[in-house]
Amino acid sequence: MRLRSFLLPLLLSLLPLCDLFAQEDYRFDMGGGLGMTGYLGDANTSNLWSHPSWDAELLFRYIMNPRWALKTNLYAGGLSGNTADMTNVLPEGNDYRFSTTFYEIGELAEFNFFNYGMGEYYRKLKRLSSYITGGLGVTLWTIAGKTNAAFSIPFGFGLKYKPSRRLNLGVEFLMKKTFSDRLDGQRLDDPLGIKSSFMKNTDWYSTLTFTVSYEFSKRCAVCNYKD
């Protein structure tokens, strides 16, 4: 009887600790970020960061499990270049410069190298994880008064850190290959006349973005087992 009267208060006192170490799974993650862009194309063939500009991002993730997530990106940013900075000389020795603002929507899959999360140590969750990502996107931009659009392939890598249960800090670098040679304007659409080159006849740009996001919508309030 004495043992029971001792154990009951002890167990009750340990209940808050159970909540402390339990993992609250959330299905969604939403946030935004700021960073910088780079450009590779006919107005810059070698140095990705020779004319850096800005980018802003809104993101929405569906968290499938601690390893996999699907993410929707919404970007706005600037791109610029100047052929006068290149060592290569364009036909007739002409120099061109451009500046534009782009808008991008993309759908990407993320793979975490570690089980990303907090709590439930038997699941080997880590508060810090690197990841790789890739997907498909559509980019819109206006240059010389003309609006253009093209499909793109974004891919890259990133790092996530969880300072608290629902808060995430991250940094992500993405290269985006566009299926257009007019990101830098119509005057630089295939200036070298290389019609068959997949690498030369399309423009690239990059985003390096620092993000903050917040998880919401509990996956399961009471579960005996979770993947």
Protein backbone atom coordinates (compact mmCIF):
# COMPACT_ATOMS: atom_id res chain seq x y z
CA MET A 1 0.00 0.00 0.00
CA ARG A 2 2.86 2.32 0.85
CA LEU A 3 4.57 1.44 -2.44
CA ARG A 4 1.43 2.29 -4.39
CA SER A 5 1.03 5.60 -2.63
CA PHE A 6 4.64 6.41 -3.52
CA LEU A 7 4.58 5.31 -7.18
CA LEU A 8 1.35 7.07 -8.15
CA PRO A 9 2.58 10.60 -7.38
CA LEU A 10 5.91 9.75 -9.03
CA LEU A 11 4.25 8.63 -12.27
CA LEU A 12 2.04 11.70 -12.31
CA SER A 13 5.08 13.91 -11.89
CA LEU A 14 6.74 12.27 -14.92
CA LEU A 15 3.85 12.95 -17.31
CA PRO A 16 5.07 16.44 -18.25
CA LEU A 17 8.42 14.87 -19.21
CA CYS A 18 6.61 12.54 -21.61
CA ASP A 19 5.16 15.57 -23.37
CA LEU A 20 8.58 17.19 -23.41
CA PHE A 21 10.25 14.34 -25.32
CA ALA A 22 7.27 13.39 -27.50
CA GLN A 23 7.37 14.46 -31.12
CA GLU A 24 4.46 16.50 -32.41
CA ASP A 25 4.14 15.64 -36.09
CA TYR A 26 2.84 18.34 -38.39
CA ARG A 27 1.75 17.93 -41.97
CA PHE A 28 2.53 21.37 -43.38
CA ASP A 29 5.26 23.98 -43.25
CA MET A 30 4.96 27.57 -44.49
CA GLY A 31 7.39 30.46 -44.59
CA GLY A 32 9.54 32.75 -46.66
CA GLY A 33 13.04 33.94 -47.28
CA LEU A 34 15.41 36.45 -48.82
CA GLY A 35 18.61 35.97 -50.76
CA MET A 36 20.55 36.64 -53.93
CA THR A 37 20.50 35.51 -57.55
CA GLY A 38 23.08 34.76 -60.22
CA TYR A 39 22.86 34.46 -63.98
CA LEU A 40 24.62 32.47 -66.71
CA GLY A 41 23.89 33.07 -70.38
CA ASP A 42 25.01 35.01 -73.42
CA ALA A 43 25.68 38.12 -71.31
CA ASN A 44 27.73 36.16 -68.76
CA THR A 45 29.27 32.84 -69.73
CA SER A 46 31.54 32.01 -66.79
CA ASN A 47 31.14 33.86 -63.47
CA LEU A 48 27.76 33.10 -61.85
CA TRP A 49 28.13 35.92 -59.32
CA SER A 50 29.52 38.68 -61.57
CA HIS A 51 26.16 40.56 -61.46
CA PRO A 52 24.34 39.39 -58.31
CA SER A 53 20.83 40.58 -57.62
CA TRP A 54 18.06 39.92 -55.08
CA ASP A 55 15.37 37.28 -54.56
CA ALA A 56 12.37 36.84 -52.26
CA GLU A 57 10.63 33.52 -51.69
CA LEU A 58 7.39 32.15 -50.30
CA LEU A 59 7.35 28.41 -49.60
CA PHE A 60 4.81 25.76 -48.68
CA ARG A 61 5.78 22.19 -47.75
CA TYR A 62 3.81 19.02 -47.39
CA ILE A 63 5.82 16.93 -44.92
CA MET A 64 5.43 13.31 -45.95
CA ASN A 65 7.78 11.87 -43.29
CA PRO A 66 11.10 12.82 -41.63
CA ARG A 67 12.99 12.08 -44.88
CA TRP A 68 10.70 13.31 -47.67
CA ALA A 69 8.77 16.51 -48.36
CA LEU A 70 7.08 18.16 -51.34
CA LYS A 71 7.62 21.90 -51.61
CA THR A 72 5.95 24.65 -53.63
CA ASN A 73 8.17 27.70 -54.23
CA LEU A 74 7.04 31.16 -55.27
CA TYR A 75 9.95 33.44 -56.22
CA ALA A 76 10.44 37.01 -57.32
CA GLY A 77 13.88 38.32 -58.08
CA GLY A 78 16.20 40.33 -60.25
CA LEU A 79 18.64 39.25 -62.97
CA SER A 80 21.21 41.29 -64.87
CA GLY A 81 24.26 40.91 -67.09
CA ASN A 82 26.67 42.84 -69.31
CA THR A 83 28.61 41.40 -72.24
CA ALA A 84 31.29 44.09 -71.79
CA ASP A 85 32.53 42.18 -68.73
CA MET A 86 33.21 39.01 -70.73
CA THR A 87 36.49 37.96 -72.34
CA ASN A 88 34.57 36.45 -75.26
CA VAL A 89 33.68 38.86 -78.04
CA LEU A 90 30.27 38.71 -79.70
CA PRO A 91 29.89 38.96 -83.51
CA GLU A 92 30.57 42.50 -84.81
CA GLY A 93 32.02 43.39 -81.39
CA ASN A 94 28.71 44.60 -80.00
CA ASP A 95 28.10 44.92 -76.26
CA TYR A 96 24.75 44.34 -74.60
CA ARG A 97 23.46 44.70 -71.09
CA PHE A 98 20.12 43.70 -69.58
CA SER A 99 18.19 43.86 -66.34
CA THR A 100 14.88 42.17 -65.55
CA THR A 101 12.61 41.01 -62.76
CA PHE A 102 11.43 37.41 -62.87
CA TYR A 103 8.61 35.50 -61.20
CA GLU A 104 8.78 31.77 -60.70
CA ILE A 105 6.57 28.98 -59.41
CA GLY A 106 8.07 25.55 -58.86
CA GLU A 107 7.20 22.17 -57.41
CA LEU A 108 10.11 20.25 -55.89
CA ALA A 109 10.75 17.05 -53.97
CA GLU A 110 13.13 17.17 -50.99
CA PHE A 111 15.14 14.29 -49.56
CA ASN A 112 16.71 14.78 -46.12
CA PHE A 113 19.93 12.87 -45.47
CA PHE A 114 18.86 12.45 -41.82
CA ASN A 115 15.48 11.92 -40.15
CA TYR A 116 14.63 15.58 -39.62
CA GLY A 117 12.70 16.56 -36.50
CA MET A 118 12.72 16.83 -32.70
CA GLY A 119 11.88 14.37 -29.92
CA GLU A 120 11.25 10.59 -29.96
CA TYR A 121 14.87 9.50 -29.89
CA TYR A 122 14.03 5.96 -30.99
CA ARG A 123 13.26 7.44 -34.41
CA LYS A 124 16.79 8.93 -34.55
CA LEU A 125 15.45 12.38 -35.36
CA LYS A 126 17.99 15.13 -35.98
CA ARG A 127 17.49 18.86 -35.53
CA LEU A 128 20.01 19.55 -38.31
CA SER A 129 19.92 17.94 -41.75
CA SER A 130 21.27 18.58 -45.21
CA TYR A 131 19.08 17.71 -48.20
CA ILE A 132 18.92 17.56 -51.98
CA THR A 133 16.01 18.79 -54.04
CA GLY A 134 14.78 18.95 -57.62
CA GLY A 135 11.62 19.44 -59.65
CA LEU A 136 9.91 21.52 -62.33
CA GLY A 137 9.04 25.19 -62.60
CA VAL A 138 7.69 27.99 -64.76
CA THR A 139 9.46 31.35 -65.00
CA LEU A 140 7.96 34.63 -66.22
CA TRP A 141 9.92 37.80 -66.96
CA THR A 142 9.55 41.07 -68.85
CA ILE A 143 12.35 42.60 -70.88
CA ALA A 144 12.20 45.43 -73.43
CA GLY A 145 8.46 45.69 -72.76
CA LYS A 146 7.80 42.08 -73.76
CA THR A 147 6.63 39.41 -71.33
CA ASN A 148 8.08 35.92 -71.75
CA ALA A 149 7.54 32.56 -70.06
CA ALA A 150 9.49 29.31 -70.07
CA PHE A 151 9.65 26.00 -68.28
CA SER A 152 12.62 25.47 -65.98
CA ILE A 153 14.32 22.66 -64.10
CA PRO A 154 15.36 23.74 -60.59
CA PHE A 155 17.73 21.50 -58.64
CA GLY A 156 20.17 21.93 -55.77
CA PHE A 157 20.81 21.35 -52.09
CA GLY A 158 20.19 22.94 -48.72
CA LEU A 159 20.51 22.79 -44.96
CA LYS A 160 17.71 22.83 -42.37
CA TYR A 161 17.91 23.52 -38.63
CA LYS A 162 15.08 23.20 -36.12
CA PRO A 163 15.59 25.58 -33.14
CA SER A 164 12.18 24.57 -31.72
CA ARG A 165 9.44 22.03 -32.43
CA ARG A 166 7.66 24.00 -35.13
CA LEU A 167 10.23 26.54 -36.29
CA ASN A 168 12.69 25.85 -39.12
CA LEU A 169 15.67 27.86 -40.34
CA GLY A 170 17.23 27.03 -43.69
CA VAL A 171 19.57 27.97 -46.48
CA GLU A 172 19.10 26.64 -50.01
CA PHE A 173 21.05 26.94 -53.26
CA LEU A 174 19.23 26.16 -56.51
CA MET A 175 20.32 26.24 -60.14
CA LYS A 176 17.49 26.76 -62.61
CA LYS A 177 17.88 25.74 -66.25
CA THR A 178 15.36 27.57 -68.41
CA PHE A 179 14.17 26.25 -71.76
CA SER A 180 14.64 29.64 -73.36
CA ASP A 181 17.51 31.73 -74.72
CA ARG A 182 15.64 35.01 -74.19
CA LEU A 183 16.03 35.44 -70.44
CA ASP A 184 18.59 38.14 -71.29
CA GLY A 185 16.54 39.63 -74.13
CA GLN A 186 15.76 38.96 -77.77
CA ARG A 187 19.00 40.59 -78.98
CA LEU A 188 20.93 37.83 -77.19
CA ASP A 189 18.79 35.00 -78.55
CA ASP A 190 21.45 32.68 -79.99
CA PRO A 191 23.97 35.41 -80.94
CA LEU A 192 26.62 32.79 -81.83
CA GLY A 193 24.32 30.90 -84.21
CA ILE A 194 24.79 27.52 -82.47
CA LYS A 195 21.42 26.00 -83.22
CA SER A 196 22.14 22.46 -82.01
CA SER A 197 23.76 23.12 -78.62
CA PHE A 198 21.55 22.21 -75.67
CA MET A 199 23.91 23.90 -73.18
CA LYS A 200 24.65 27.08 -75.19
CA ASN A 201 21.16 27.92 -76.34
CA THR A 202 19.45 28.12 -72.96
CA ASP A 203 19.94 30.51 -70.06
CA TRP A 204 20.50 29.61 -66.42
CA TYR A 205 20.00 31.44 -63.15
CA SER A 206 20.48 30.61 -59.50
CA THR A 207 18.98 31.48 -56.13
CA LEU A 208 20.73 31.40 -52.76
CA THR A 209 18.03 31.95 -50.16
CA PHE A 210 17.87 32.05 -46.36
CA THR A 211 14.46 30.94 -45.09
CA VAL A 212 12.30 30.84 -41.96
CA SER A 213 9.24 28.59 -41.79
CA TYR A 214 6.63 27.40 -39.29
CA GLU A 215 4.91 24.00 -39.12
CA PHE A 216 1.17 23.59 -38.53
CA SER A 217 -1.73 21.12 -38.70
CA LYS A 218 -1.00 18.18 -36.39
CA ARG A 219 -0.85 14.92 -38.25
CA CYS A 220 -2.31 12.86 -35.42
CA ALA A 221 -3.43 13.97 -31.98
CA VAL A 222 -3.40 10.46 -30.46
CA CYS A 223 -1.44 7.72 -32.24
CA ASN A 224 0.04 4.49 -30.95
CA TYR A 225 2.45 4.21 -33.88
CA LYS A 226 3.82 6.68 -36.40
CA ASP A 227 6.26 6.13 -39.25
